Amino acid sequence: MVILYNPYSVFMLFGEPSMSSLIRVRPTKIELIKLKRRRDLARKVHHILRERLTILVNEFLTRIRSAYRIRREVNDKIIDVYNRAVFLSGLYGEQIYRYFEGIATEGSGVIIGYENIMGVRSYTAMYKKGVFRPVLPELEDFRRDAERLIERIIELGRIEQSIHALGVEITKTKRRVNALEYIFIPKLEATIKYLRMKFEEREREERARLKRVKGMLEARRRGGGG
């Protein structure tokens, strides 16, 4: 709310704005200048956030398409690897799985890290391949297919994690954009308009007062001369 002197004469024609639509400031020209600067800065920030929101949404949609493609690929690979695993277990027995565990001379693993997406921090992961001793060709093909499946599953998890992080950031950025666009900037503009109208009313009152004083002085001058 802006506390002003005798605003009734100004808003008889224009209507008095709601108290909640104004910012509490001192009714001075200095405050008006400050409000204009705040409004200009808010407009610039709003423009930057709108551009950032557009880029984040585009990146979000791109990663959703990639996740959909990789998920279909993973589903197909799971079926293929599972069928071959059933065949090999039927051919060599259940010890085939312990055999694969024993042929690794250096264990494989997953390296966890972070990636920065337009200022958004997201977990990332990279599969570290192990070193295996040579085995039969059909077993080697199965091991490689299973390893590629693990790589794609890790890649899918990385992309879905980034999608989640981008979704959270998009929600936050959208709230900031809406707050600037529908609350903060309109309040600044309403307060600026309110102060301008008050200052114009003050100037009109001052001119009218000077005109009355001038008229009184001229009347006294004429009366004294008579």
C-alpha atoms as a PDB file:
ATOM      1  CA  MET A   1       0.000   0.000   0.000  1.00  0.00           C
ATOM      2  CA  VAL A   2       1.250   3.516  -0.840  1.00  0.00           C
ATOM      3  CA  ILE A   3       0.343   6.205   1.665  1.00  0.00           C
ATOM      4  CA  LEU A   4      -0.484   9.403  -0.261  1.00  0.00           C
ATOM      5  CA  TYR A   5      -1.993  12.744   0.632  1.00  0.00           C
ATOM      6  CA  ASN A   6      -5.657  13.270  -0.316  1.00  0.00           C
ATOM      7  CA  PRO A   7      -5.908  10.757  -3.204  1.00  0.00           C
ATOM      8  CA  TYR A   8      -9.697  10.991  -3.417  1.00  0.00           C
ATOM      9  CA  SER A   9      -9.722  13.770  -5.996  1.00  0.00           C
ATOM     10  CA  VAL A  10      -7.453  11.752  -8.300  1.00  0.00           C
ATOM     11  CA  PHE A  11      -9.330   8.451  -8.154  1.00  0.00           C
ATOM     12  CA  MET A  12     -12.855   9.783  -8.401  1.00  0.00           C
ATOM     13  CA  LEU A  13     -12.456   9.349 -12.169  1.00  0.00           C
ATOM     14  CA  PHE A  14      -9.910   6.533 -12.405  1.00  0.00           C
ATOM     15  CA  GLY A  15     -10.879   4.409  -9.396  1.00  0.00           C
ATOM     16  CA  GLU A  16      -8.609   3.605  -6.470  1.00  0.00           C
ATOM     17  CA  PRO A  17      -6.473   0.482  -6.984  1.00  0.00           C
ATOM     18  CA  SER A  18      -6.577  -2.417  -4.589  1.00  0.00           C
ATOM     19  CA  MET A  19      -4.159  -2.189  -1.653  1.00  0.00           C
ATOM     20  CA  SER A  20      -2.819  -5.655  -2.460  1.00  0.00           C
ATOM     21  CA  SER A  21      -1.868  -4.526  -5.982  1.00  0.00           C
ATOM     22  CA  LEU A  22       0.543  -1.836  -4.736  1.00  0.00           C
ATOM     23  CA  ILE A  23       3.955  -1.799  -3.088  1.00  0.00           C
ATOM     24  CA  ARG A  24       4.440   0.139   0.151  1.00  0.00           C
ATOM     25  CA  VAL A  25       6.852   3.006  -0.622  1.00  0.00           C
ATOM     26  CA  ARG A  26       7.273   6.657   0.301  1.00  0.00           C
ATOM     27  CA  PRO A  27       5.437   8.939  -2.192  1.00  0.00           C
ATOM     28  CA  THR A  28       8.513  10.793  -3.477  1.00  0.00           C
ATOM     29  CA  LYS A  29      10.109  11.327  -6.883  1.00  0.00           C
ATOM     30  CA  ILE A  30      13.197   9.412  -5.733  1.00  0.00           C
ATOM     31  CA  GLU A  31      11.066   6.372  -4.923  1.00  0.00           C
ATOM     32  CA  LEU A  32       9.402   6.652  -8.315  1.00  0.00           C
ATOM     33  CA  ILE A  33      12.807   6.536 -10.018  1.00  0.00           C
ATOM     34  CA  LYS A  34      13.791   3.514  -7.927  1.00  0.00           C
ATOM     35  CA  LEU A  35      10.558   1.748  -8.831  1.00  0.00           C
ATOM     36  CA  LYS A  36      11.182   2.347 -12.534  1.00  0.00           C
ATOM     37  CA  ARG A  37      14.657   0.852 -12.218  1.00  0.00           C
ATOM     38  CA  ARG A  38      13.275  -2.169 -10.356  1.00  0.00           C
ATOM     39  CA  ARG A  39      10.630  -2.627 -13.042  1.00  0.00           C
ATOM     40  CA  ASP A  40      13.212  -2.474 -15.847  1.00  0.00           C
ATOM     41  CA  LEU A  41      15.429  -4.969 -14.010  1.00  0.00           C
ATOM     42  CA  ALA A  42      12.465  -7.262 -13.366  1.00  0.00           C
ATOM     43  CA  ARG A  43      11.586  -7.187 -17.073  1.00  0.00           C
ATOM     44  CA  LYS A  44      15.157  -8.141 -18.012  1.00  0.00           C
ATOM     45  CA  VAL A  45      15.206 -10.992 -15.486  1.00  0.00           C
ATOM     46  CA  HIS A  46      11.810 -12.149 -16.741  1.00  0.00           C
ATOM     47  CA  HIS A  47      13.107 -12.202 -20.329  1.00  0.00           C
ATOM     48  CA  ILE A  48      16.212 -14.191 -19.314  1.00  0.00           C
ATOM     49  CA  LEU A  49      14.153 -16.686 -17.321  1.00  0.00           C
ATOM     50  CA  ARG A  50      11.722 -17.126 -20.222  1.00  0.00           C
ATOM     51  CA  GLU A  51      14.621 -17.962 -22.541  1.00  0.00           C
ATOM     52  CA  ARG A  52      16.097 -20.329 -19.961  1.00  0.00           C
ATOM     53  CA  LEU A  53      12.714 -22.019 -19.538  1.00  0.00           C
ATOM     54  CA  THR A  54      12.445 -22.540 -23.302  1.00  0.00           C
ATOM     55  CA  ILE A  55      15.925 -24.096 -23.465  1.00  0.00           C
ATOM     56  CA  LEU A  56      15.215 -26.343 -20.469  1.00  0.00           C
ATOM     57  CA  VAL A  57      11.935 -27.558 -21.962  1.00  0.00           C
ATOM     58  CA  ASN A  58      13.614 -28.311 -25.303  1.00  0.00           C
ATOM     59  CA  GLU A  59      16.367 -30.259 -23.535  1.00  0.00           C
ATOM     60  CA  PHE A  60      13.744 -32.034 -21.432  1.00  0.00           C
ATOM     61  CA  LEU A  61      11.801 -33.156 -24.525  1.00  0.00           C
ATOM     62  CA  THR A  62      14.986 -34.234 -26.316  1.00  0.00           C
ATOM     63  CA  ARG A  63      15.991 -36.448 -23.397  1.00  0.00           C
ATOM     64  CA  ILE A  64      12.503 -37.907 -23.118  1.00  0.00           C
ATOM     65  CA  ARG A  65      12.717 -39.000 -26.751  1.00  0.00           C
ATOM     66  CA  SER A  66      16.170 -40.493 -26.118  1.00  0.00           C
ATOM     67  CA  ALA A  67      14.922 -42.301 -23.007  1.00  0.00           C
ATOM     68  CA  TYR A  68      11.985 -43.734 -24.965  1.00  0.00           C
ATOM     69  CA  ARG A  69      14.300 -45.008 -27.691  1.00  0.00           C
ATOM     70  CA  ILE A  70      16.804 -46.525 -25.237  1.00  0.00           C
ATOM     71  CA  ARG A  71      14.036 -48.102 -23.163  1.00  0.00           C
ATOM     72  CA  ARG A  72      12.684 -49.908 -26.232  1.00  0.00           C
ATOM     73  CA  GLU A  73      16.216 -51.017 -27.064  1.00  0.00           C
ATOM     74  CA  VAL A  74      16.752 -52.267 -23.501  1.00  0.00           C
ATOM     75  CA  ASN A  75      13.477 -54.182 -23.539  1.00  0.00           C
ATOM     76  CA  ASP A  76      14.458 -55.916 -26.773  1.00  0.00           C
ATOM     77  CA  LYS A  77      17.944 -56.726 -25.462  1.00  0.00           C
ATOM     78  CA  ILE A  78      16.567 -58.098 -22.191  1.00  0.00           C
ATOM     79  CA  ILE A  79      14.382 -60.557 -24.063  1.00  0.00           C
ATOM     80  CA  ASP A  80      17.265 -61.623 -26.312  1.00  0.00           C
ATOM     81  CA  VAL A  81      19.784 -62.013 -23.463  1.00  0.00           C
ATOM     82  CA  TYR A  82      17.255 -63.858 -21.318  1.00  0.00           C
ATOM     83  CA  ASN A  83      16.464 -66.360 -24.084  1.00  0.00           C
ATOM     84  CA  ARG A  84      20.162 -67.014 -24.683  1.00  0.00           C
ATOM     85  CA  ALA A  85      20.775 -67.344 -20.946  1.00  0.00           C
ATOM     86  CA  VAL A  86      18.022 -69.970 -20.716  1.00  0.00           C
ATOM     87  CA  PHE A  87      19.543 -71.838 -23.657  1.00  0.00           C
ATOM     88  CA  LEU A  88      23.069 -71.783 -22.201  1.00  0.00           C
ATOM     89  CA  SER A  89      21.900 -72.811 -18.735  1.00  0.00           C
ATOM     90  CA  GLY A  90      20.060 -75.735 -20.309  1.00  0.00           C
ATOM     91  CA  LEU A  91      23.165 -76.676 -22.292  1.00  0.00           C
ATOM     92  CA  TYR A  92      25.879 -76.186 -19.644  1.00  0.00           C
ATOM     93  CA  GLY A  93      23.856 -76.215 -16.426  1.00  0.00           C
ATOM     94  CA  GLU A  94      23.454 -73.619 -13.662  1.00  0.00           C
ATOM     95  CA  GLN A  95      27.207 -73.479 -13.075  1.00  0.00           C
ATOM     96  CA  ILE A  96      27.519 -71.363 -16.234  1.00  0.00           C
ATOM     97  CA  TYR A  97      26.801 -68.224 -14.176  1.00  0.00           C
ATOM     98  CA  ARG A  98      29.529 -69.026 -11.635  1.00  0.00           C
ATOM     99  CA  TYR A  99      31.798 -69.681 -14.587  1.00  0.00           C
ATOM    100  CA  PHE A 100      31.267 -66.140 -15.912  1.00  0.00           C
ATOM    101  CA  GLU A 101      32.040 -64.746 -12.471  1.00  0.00           C
ATOM    102  CA  GLY A 102      35.316 -66.660 -12.385  1.00  0.00           C
ATOM    103  CA  ILE A 103      36.720 -65.629 -15.763  1.00  0.00           C
ATOM    104  CA  ALA A 104      37.029 -61.918 -14.829  1.00  0.00           C
ATOM    105  CA  THR A 105      40.599 -60.942 -13.999  1.00  0.00           C
ATOM    106  CA  GLU A 106      39.648 -57.311 -13.290  1.00  0.00           C
ATOM    107  CA  GLY A 107      36.148 -56.620 -12.078  1.00  0.00           C
ATOM    108  CA  SER A 108      33.840 -54.324 -13.991  1.00  0.00           C
ATOM    109  CA  GLY A 109      31.907 -51.579 -12.217  1.00  0.00           C
ATOM    110  CA  VAL A 110      30.073 -48.289 -12.447  1.00  0.00           C
ATOM    111  CA  ILE A 111      31.673 -44.874 -12.011  1.00  0.00           C
ATOM    112  CA  ILE A 112      29.270 -42.313 -10.501  1.00  0.00           C
ATOM    113  CA  GLY A 113      29.656 -38.603 -11.143  1.00  0.00           C
ATOM    114  CA  TYR A 114      27.752 -35.418 -11.939  1.00  0.00           C
ATOM    115  CA  GLU A 115      26.894 -33.544 -15.109  1.00  0.00           C
ATOM    116  CA  ASN A 116      25.842 -29.918 -15.546  1.00  0.00           C
ATOM    117  CA  ILE A 117      22.852 -29.271 -17.826  1.00  0.00           C
ATOM    118  CA  MET A 118      22.209 -25.521 -18.153  1.00  0.00           C
ATOM    119  CA  GLY A 119      23.115 -25.075 -14.504  1.00  0.00           C
ATOM    120  CA  VAL A 120      21.117 -28.137 -13.448  1.00  0.00           C
ATOM    121  CA  ARG A 121      23.160 -30.719 -11.530  1.00  0.00           C
ATOM    122  CA  SER A 122      22.340 -34.335 -12.291  1.00  0.00           C
ATOM    123  CA  TYR A 123      23.909 -37.681 -11.446  1.00  0.00           C
ATOM    124  CA  THR A 124      25.710 -39.465 -14.230  1.00  0.00           C
ATOM    125  CA  ALA A 125      27.175 -42.952 -14.478  1.00  0.00           C
ATOM    126  CA  MET A 126      29.689 -44.684 -16.720  1.00  0.00           C
ATOM    127  CA  TYR A 127      30.197 -48.417 -17.061  1.00  0.00           C
ATOM    128  CA  LYS A 128      33.736 -49.646 -16.495  1.00  0.00           C
ATOM    129  CA  LYS A 129      34.433 -52.734 -18.565  1.00  0.00           C
ATOM    130  CA  GLY A 130      36.242 -55.616 -16.949  1.00  0.00           C
ATOM    131  CA  VAL A 131      39.011 -57.767 -18.450  1.00  0.00           C
ATOM    132  CA  PHE A 132      38.030 -61.383 -19.100  1.00  0.00           C
ATOM    133  CA  ARG A 133      39.953 -64.453 -20.078  1.00  0.00           C
ATOM    134  CA  PRO A 134      39.158 -65.939 -23.513  1.00  0.00           C
ATOM    135  CA  VAL A 135      36.284 -68.417 -23.563  1.00  0.00           C
ATOM    136  CA  LEU A 136      34.315 -70.373 -26.139  1.00  0.00           C
ATOM    137  CA  PRO A 137      32.933 -68.229 -29.002  1.00  0.00           C
ATOM    138  CA  GLU A 138      29.265 -68.792 -28.109  1.00  0.00           C
ATOM    139  CA  LEU A 139      29.983 -67.910 -24.480  1.00  0.00           C
ATOM    140  CA  GLU A 140      31.997 -64.860 -25.482  1.00  0.00           C
ATOM    141  CA  ASP A 141      29.129 -63.559 -27.656  1.00  0.00           C
ATOM    142  CA  PHE A 142      26.705 -63.977 -24.780  1.00  0.00           C
ATOM    143  CA  ARG A 143      29.054 -62.207 -22.375  1.00  0.00           C
ATOM    144  CA  ARG A 144      29.430 -59.256 -24.763  1.00  0.00           C
ATOM    145  CA  ASP A 145      25.675 -58.976 -25.328  1.00  0.00           C
ATOM    146  CA  ALA A 146      25.059 -59.049 -21.578  1.00  0.00           C
ATOM    147  CA  GLU A 147      27.707 -56.394 -21.086  1.00  0.00           C
ATOM    148  CA  ARG A 148      26.142 -54.172 -23.739  1.00  0.00           C
ATOM    149  CA  LEU A 149      22.772 -54.627 -22.039  1.00  0.00           C
ATOM    150  CA  ILE A 150      24.248 -53.448 -18.738  1.00  0.00           C
ATOM    151  CA  GLU A 151      25.742 -50.413 -20.488  1.00  0.00           C
ATOM    152  CA  ARG A 152      22.376 -49.462 -21.999  1.00  0.00           C
ATOM    153  CA  ILE A 153      20.584 -49.920 -18.673  1.00  0.00           C
ATOM    154  CA  ILE A 154      23.084 -47.584 -17.006  1.00  0.00           C
ATOM    155  CA  GLU A 155      22.674 -45.088 -19.852  1.00  0.00           C
ATOM    156  CA  LEU A 156      18.892 -45.258 -19.475  1.00  0.00           C
ATOM    157  CA  GLY A 157      19.200 -44.603 -15.743  1.00  0.00           C
ATOM    158  CA  ARG A 158      21.476 -41.627 -16.387  1.00  0.00           C
ATOM    159  CA  ILE A 159      19.030 -40.071 -18.863  1.00  0.00           C
ATOM    160  CA  GLU A 160      16.013 -40.660 -16.631  1.00  0.00           C
ATOM    161  CA  GLN A 161      17.853 -39.078 -13.709  1.00  0.00           C
ATOM    162  CA  SER A 162      18.590 -36.010 -15.842  1.00  0.00           C
ATOM    163  CA  ILE A 163      14.927 -35.890 -16.926  1.00  0.00           C
ATOM    164  CA  HIS A 164      13.870 -35.799 -13.282  1.00  0.00           C
ATOM    165  CA  ALA A 165      16.381 -33.051 -12.450  1.00  0.00           C
ATOM    166  CA  LEU A 166      15.292 -31.006 -15.472  1.00  0.00           C
ATOM    167  CA  GLY A 167      11.635 -31.452 -14.540  1.00  0.00           C
ATOM    168  CA  VAL A 168      12.273 -30.070 -11.044  1.00  0.00           C
ATOM    169  CA  GLU A 169      14.213 -27.100 -12.445  1.00  0.00           C
ATOM    170  CA  ILE A 170      11.530 -26.398 -15.066  1.00  0.00           C
ATOM    171  CA  THR A 171       8.890 -26.269 -12.331  1.00  0.00           C
ATOM    172  CA  LYS A 172      10.985 -23.844 -10.254  1.00  0.00           C
ATOM    173  CA  THR A 173      11.782 -21.630 -13.244  1.00  0.00           C
ATOM    174  CA  LYS A 174       8.157 -21.571 -14.365  1.00  0.00           C
ATOM    175  CA  ARG A 175       7.075 -20.442 -10.903  1.00  0.00           C
ATOM    176  CA  ARG A 176       9.616 -17.618 -10.964  1.00  0.00           C
ATOM    177  CA  VAL A 177       8.494 -16.547 -14.445  1.00  0.00           C
ATOM    178  CA  ASN A 178       4.842 -16.556 -13.397  1.00  0.00           C
ATOM    179  CA  ALA A 179       5.604 -14.669 -10.189  1.00  0.00           C
ATOM    180  CA  LEU A 180       7.400 -11.947 -12.148  1.00  0.00           C
ATOM    181  CA  GLU A 181       4.852 -11.828 -14.956  1.00  0.00           C
ATOM    182  CA  TYR A 182       1.631 -11.919 -12.941  1.00  0.00           C
ATOM    183  CA  ILE A 183       2.555 -10.559  -9.503  1.00  0.00           C
ATOM    184  CA  PHE A 184       5.780  -8.584  -9.137  1.00  0.00           C
ATOM    185  CA  ILE A 185       5.905  -6.625 -12.427  1.00  0.00           C
ATOM    186  CA  PRO A 186       2.161  -5.742 -12.345  1.00  0.00           C
ATOM    187  CA  LYS A 187       2.570  -4.486  -8.760  1.00  0.00           C
ATOM    188  CA  LEU A 188       5.503  -2.314  -9.802  1.00  0.00           C
ATOM    189  CA  GLU A 189       3.612  -0.922 -12.795  1.00  0.00           C
ATOM    190  CA  ALA A 190       0.485  -0.265 -10.709  1.00  0.00           C
ATOM    191  CA  THR A 191       2.522   1.522  -8.040  1.00  0.00           C
ATOM    192  CA  ILE A 192       4.361   3.609 -10.653  1.00  0.00           C
ATOM    193  CA  LYS A 193       1.054   4.593 -12.248  1.00  0.00           C
ATOM    194  CA  TYR A 194      -0.371   5.391  -8.813  1.00  0.00           C
ATOM    195  CA  LEU A 195       2.539   7.701  -7.947  1.00  0.00           C
ATOM    196  CA  ARG A 196       2.450   9.424 -11.347  1.00  0.00           C
ATOM    197  CA  MET A 197      -1.238  10.187 -10.982  1.00  0.00           C
ATOM    198  CA  LYS A 198      -0.647  11.537  -7.477  1.00  0.00           C
ATOM    199  CA  PHE A 199       2.201  13.762  -8.624  1.00  0.00           C
ATOM    200  CA  GLU A 200       0.105  15.065 -11.521  1.00  0.00           C
ATOM    201  CA  GLU A 201      -2.707  15.824  -9.086  1.00  0.00           C
ATOM    202  CA  ARG A 202      -0.277  17.660  -6.829  1.00  0.00           C
ATOM    203  CA  GLU A 203       0.943  19.744  -9.759  1.00  0.00           C
ATOM    204  CA  ARG A 204      -2.620  20.621 -10.743  1.00  0.00           C
ATOM    205  CA  GLU A 205      -3.420  21.616  -7.161  1.00  0.00           C
ATOM    206  CA  GLU A 206      -0.238  23.681  -7.000  1.00  0.00           C
ATOM    207  CA  ARG A 207      -1.063  25.480 -10.256  1.00  0.00           C
ATOM    208  CA  ALA A 208      -4.601  26.131  -9.069  1.00  0.00           C
ATOM    209  CA  ARG A 209      -3.295  27.460  -5.749  1.00  0.00           C
ATOM    210  CA  LEU A 210      -0.816  29.750  -7.490  1.00  0.00           C
ATOM    211  CA  LYS A 211      -3.557  30.970  -9.787  1.00  0.00           C
ATOM    212  CA  ARG A 212      -5.776  31.814  -6.809  1.00  0.00           C
ATOM    213  CA  VAL A 213      -2.921  33.596  -5.034  1.00  0.00           C
ATOM    214  CA  LYS A 214      -2.145  35.549  -8.195  1.00  0.00           C
ATOM    215  CA  GLY A 215      -5.796  36.484  -8.558  1.00  0.00           C
ATOM    216  CA  MET A 216      -5.975  37.648  -4.951  1.00  0.00           C
ATOM    217  CA  LEU A 217      -2.817  39.735  -5.352  1.00  0.00           C
ATOM    218  CA  GLU A 218      -4.133  41.333  -8.522  1.00  0.00           C
ATOM    219  CA  ALA A 219      -7.486  42.044  -6.820  1.00  0.00           C
ATOM    220  CA  ARG A 220      -5.678  43.701  -3.904  1.00  0.00           C
ATOM    221  CA  ARG A 221      -3.535  45.690  -6.302  1.00  0.00           C
ATOM    222  CA  ARG A 222      -6.585  46.930  -8.171  1.00  0.00           C
ATOM    223  CA  GLY A 223      -8.347  47.701  -4.911  1.00  0.00           C
ATOM    224  CA  GLY A 224      -5.373  49.623  -3.587  1.00  0.00           C
ATOM    225  CA  GLY A 225      -5.030  51.575  -6.814  1.00  0.00           C
ATOM    226  CA  GLY A 226      -8.766  52.548  -6.694  1.00  0.00           C
END
